[in-house]
Protein backbone atom coordinates (compact mmCIF):
# COMPACT_ATOMS: atom_id res chain seq x y z
CA MET A 1 -16.03 -1.57 0.41
CA SER A 2 -15.36 -0.45 3.95
CA HIS A 3 -17.94 -0.92 6.70
CA GLN A 4 -16.50 2.16 8.39
CA SER A 5 -16.84 4.39 5.33
CA GLU A 6 -20.62 4.38 5.70
CA GLN A 7 -20.44 6.14 9.06
CA ALA A 8 -18.19 8.46 11.03
CA PRO A 9 -14.98 6.66 12.05
CA SER A 10 -15.20 5.27 15.56
CA LEU A 11 -12.57 5.98 18.21
CA ALA A 12 -11.46 2.34 18.02
CA TYR A 13 -10.86 2.62 14.28
CA SER A 14 -9.13 5.99 14.63
CA ASN A 15 -6.80 4.60 17.31
CA PHE A 16 -5.79 1.95 14.81
CA ILE A 17 -5.55 3.73 11.46
CA ASN A 18 -3.91 6.91 12.77
CA THR A 19 -0.96 4.96 14.18
CA CYS A 20 -0.03 3.51 10.78
CA ARG A 21 2.66 5.97 9.77
CA SER A 22 3.58 4.51 6.40
CA PRO A 23 0.93 5.17 3.71
CA ALA A 24 1.62 1.76 2.17
CA THR A 25 1.14 0.05 5.55
CA ARG A 26 -2.04 2.03 6.16
CA ILE A 27 -3.53 0.84 2.87
CA LEU A 28 -2.53 -2.78 3.51
CA TYR A 29 -3.77 -2.83 7.12
CA LYS A 30 -7.02 -1.10 6.17
CA ARG A 31 -7.69 -3.77 3.54
CA GLY A 32 -6.83 -6.54 6.00
CA MET A 33 -9.25 -5.19 8.61
CA GLU A 34 -12.01 -4.82 6.03
CA TYR A 35 -11.58 -8.46 5.02
CA PHE A 36 -11.66 -9.52 8.67
CA MET A 37 -14.83 -7.51 9.29
CA LYS A 38 -16.50 -9.12 6.28
CA PHE A 39 -15.39 -12.61 7.35
CA SER A 40 -16.64 -12.01 10.91
CA LYS A 41 -19.93 -10.47 9.70
CA LEU A 42 -19.40 -7.44 11.92
CA GLU A 43 -20.90 -4.08 10.97
CA SER A 44 -18.89 -1.95 13.41
CA TYR A 45 -15.26 -1.96 14.48
CA ASP A 46 -16.43 -1.34 18.03
CA ARG A 47 -18.13 -4.75 17.97
CA ILE A 48 -14.70 -6.41 17.85
CA LEU A 49 -13.94 -4.95 21.27
CA ASP A 50 -17.19 -6.36 22.66
CA LEU A 51 -16.33 -9.96 21.77
CA ASP A 52 -15.22 -12.41 24.42
CA PRO A 53 -11.40 -12.72 24.10
CA LYS A 54 -11.53 -16.51 23.69
CA LEU A 55 -14.21 -16.23 21.01
CA LEU A 56 -12.22 -13.46 19.30
CA GLN A 57 -9.06 -15.55 19.35
CA MET A 58 -10.90 -18.51 17.84
CA ASN A 59 -12.36 -16.23 15.19
CA ILE A 60 -8.91 -14.94 14.20
CA CYS A 61 -7.61 -18.51 13.90
CA ASP A 62 -10.59 -19.42 11.71
CA TYR A 63 -9.89 -16.31 9.62
CA ILE A 64 -6.29 -17.44 9.07
CA ALA A 65 -7.51 -20.88 7.98
CA PHE A 66 -9.93 -19.17 5.57
CA LEU A 67 -7.15 -17.04 4.06
CA LYS A 68 -4.97 -20.13 3.60
CA SER A 69 -7.83 -21.93 1.86
CA LYS A 70 -7.99 -19.05 -0.62
CA GLY A 71 -4.34 -19.56 -1.53
CA LEU A 72 -3.10 -16.18 -0.30
CA ALA A 73 0.66 -15.76 0.01
CA SER A 74 2.09 -16.29 3.47
CA ARG A 75 3.36 -12.72 3.68
CA THR A 76 -0.06 -11.35 2.79
CA ILE A 77 -1.67 -13.47 5.50
CA ALA A 78 0.95 -12.33 8.01
CA SER A 79 0.22 -8.69 7.09
CA TYR A 80 -3.53 -9.12 7.53
CA VAL A 81 -3.02 -10.76 10.92
CA ALA A 82 -0.62 -7.97 11.88
CA ALA A 83 -3.40 -5.48 11.09
CA ILE A 84 -5.71 -7.20 13.59
CA HIS A 85 -2.91 -7.32 16.16
CA ARG A 86 -2.29 -3.59 15.71
CA PHE A 87 -6.00 -2.78 15.98
CA LEU A 88 -6.33 -4.71 19.24
CA ASP A 89 -3.09 -3.38 20.72
CA MET A 90 -4.11 0.20 20.00
CA ASN A 91 -7.40 -0.45 21.78
CA ASP A 92 -5.84 -2.11 24.84
CA VAL A 93 -7.00 -5.65 24.07
CA ILE A 94 -3.92 -7.55 25.24
CA SER A 95 -5.34 -10.80 26.62
CA LEU A 96 -5.05 -12.91 23.46
CA ASN A 97 -2.46 -15.67 23.04
CA TRP A 98 -0.68 -14.36 19.97
CA LYS A 99 1.92 -17.13 20.05
CA LYS A 100 -0.91 -19.61 19.53
CA ILE A 101 -2.56 -17.44 16.87
CA HIS A 102 0.67 -17.08 14.87
CA SER A 103 1.13 -20.85 14.95
CA PHE A 104 -1.86 -21.10 12.59
CA GLU A 105 -0.10 -18.96 9.96
CA PRO A 106 1.73 -20.69 7.09
CA GLU A 107 5.51 -20.61 7.04
CA LEU A 108 6.91 -17.69 5.09
CA GLU A 109 7.97 -18.64 1.59
CA ARG A 110 11.63 -18.20 0.83
CA SER A 111 12.03 -15.10 -1.28
CA THR A 112 13.91 -15.24 -4.54
CA GLU A 113 17.17 -13.34 -4.76
CA ASP A 114 16.48 -9.66 -5.27
CA ARG A 115 18.39 -7.91 -8.04
CA PRO A 116 17.95 -4.89 -10.29
CA TYR A 117 16.63 -5.35 -13.82
CA THR A 118 19.30 -5.40 -16.50
CA ARG A 119 19.41 -2.79 -19.27
CA ASP A 120 18.24 -5.41 -21.77
CA GLU A 121 15.27 -6.35 -19.57
CA ILE A 122 14.30 -2.70 -19.13
CA ALA A 123 14.57 -2.17 -22.88
CA ILE A 124 12.21 -5.09 -23.51
CA LEU A 125 9.68 -3.69 -21.01
CA LEU A 126 9.85 -0.24 -22.58
CA SER A 127 9.41 -1.61 -26.10
CA LYS A 128 6.11 -3.21 -25.13
CA SER A 129 4.73 -0.39 -22.95
CA SER A 130 2.18 2.37 -23.44
CA PRO A 131 3.30 6.03 -23.05
CA ARG A 132 1.97 5.98 -19.48
CA ASP A 133 3.79 2.79 -18.55
CA ARG A 134 7.03 3.99 -20.16
CA ALA A 135 6.91 7.10 -17.97
CA ILE A 136 6.27 5.00 -14.85
CA LEU A 137 9.02 2.49 -15.65
CA LEU A 138 11.69 5.12 -16.28
CA LEU A 139 10.59 7.08 -13.21
CA MET A 140 10.94 4.00 -11.02
CA VAL A 141 14.26 2.75 -12.36
CA SER A 142 15.89 6.19 -12.24
CA SER A 143 14.52 7.57 -8.96
CA GLY A 144 14.01 4.43 -6.89
CA VAL A 145 10.40 5.31 -5.94
CA ARG A 146 8.11 2.46 -4.94
CA VAL A 147 4.87 1.62 -6.66
CA GLY A 148 3.12 2.74 -3.47
CA ALA A 149 4.54 6.25 -3.84
CA ILE A 150 3.15 6.54 -7.35
CA GLY A 151 -0.26 5.31 -6.27
CA TYR A 152 -0.34 7.51 -3.13
CA PRO A 153 -1.08 9.36 -5.53
CA LEU A 154 1.84 11.18 -7.12
CA LEU A 155 0.54 14.52 -8.44
CA LEU A 156 1.92 16.96 -10.99
CA ARG A 157 2.59 19.37 -8.13
CA ASP A 158 5.01 16.76 -6.77
CA LEU A 159 7.22 17.08 -9.87
CA GLN A 160 9.47 20.12 -9.53
CA PRO A 161 11.41 20.79 -12.76
CA ILE A 162 15.12 21.50 -12.41
CA ASP A 163 15.74 22.88 -15.88
CA LYS A 164 19.48 23.33 -15.38
CA HIS A 165 19.87 19.57 -15.40
CA HIS A 166 16.66 18.68 -17.30
CA ILE A 167 15.39 16.50 -14.45
CA TYR A 168 12.58 16.48 -11.87
CA LYS A 169 12.84 16.76 -8.11
CA ILE A 170 10.09 14.47 -6.85
CA THR A 171 8.19 14.75 -3.56
CA CYS A 172 6.89 11.35 -2.42
CA TYR A 173 4.08 10.96 0.15
CA ARG A 174 3.69 14.77 0.33
CA ARG A 175 1.01 14.77 3.05
CA SER A 176 2.55 12.02 5.15
CA SER A 177 5.19 11.92 7.88
CA ALA A 178 6.97 9.46 5.54
CA ARG A 179 7.56 12.26 2.98
CA TYR A 180 10.90 12.30 1.18
CA TYR A 181 12.52 13.69 -1.95
CA THR A 182 14.20 11.99 -4.85
CA PHE A 183 15.32 12.82 -8.38
CA CYS A 184 14.72 11.22 -11.76
CA SER A 185 17.03 10.99 -14.76
CA PHE A 186 17.04 13.15 -17.87
CA GLU A 187 15.53 10.23 -19.84
CA ALA A 188 12.73 9.81 -17.29
CA ARG A 189 11.82 13.51 -17.37
CA LYS A 190 11.77 13.43 -21.16
CA GLU A 191 9.40 10.43 -21.12
CA ILE A 192 7.15 11.99 -18.44
CA ASP A 193 6.92 15.23 -20.42
CA SER A 194 6.16 13.28 -23.58
CA TYR A 195 3.39 11.37 -21.81
CA LEU A 196 1.82 14.54 -20.40
CA GLU A 197 1.97 16.23 -23.80
CA TRP A 198 0.29 13.15 -25.31
CA ARG A 199 -2.57 13.56 -22.83
CA ARG A 200 -2.90 17.26 -23.69
CA ARG A 201 -3.08 16.43 -27.40
CA LEU A 202 -5.99 14.13 -26.58
CA GLY A 203 -7.82 17.16 -25.17
CA GLU A 204 -7.25 16.65 -21.46
CA LYS A 205 -6.75 19.75 -19.32
CA LEU A 206 -4.08 18.95 -16.75
CA THR A 207 -3.87 20.68 -13.36
CA ASP A 208 -1.38 20.43 -10.49
CA ASP A 209 -3.67 17.87 -8.87
């Protein structure tokens, strides 16, 4: 639940959220600021700007310690702290010692080697998936879209059929400056169409939205 959703967005909040260009970053930073507001027991984003800088800095360090005690991943903690840093920077609060604040963060875990799933692994996933999940899996592996693009959300109007090749042209993040286009495979379109037809058979009336 957002404290800001109960009232008109303040200028301080608008300065922050409107400078997050990536939809995925906006969602992550918004969540991080909501957690910080709840931890700090603040009812208004403007109240952050009223705090004494030394008290605010101490509060952020305590917040980091709290997140670590909850077992959050180091990258998640770093993202939540980055949200606070962005909020303060966008509202001209530049007097905090961020080098000291970052020293409270845990070291970043070493990531495992990234690699694509093998055909056998994809086949196993598909064999155990619902019609919806099969459509999502094949869409992702064939078009390269991120989970964030699907949850933006991806609408039926974003799927443009190219019948000559039996594929879809896909518009990701349609209403964002991060908008781009990609294409799915024949197999993915077939699975998407099958999933949508399954929903229609269940009596659902589908619209472009």
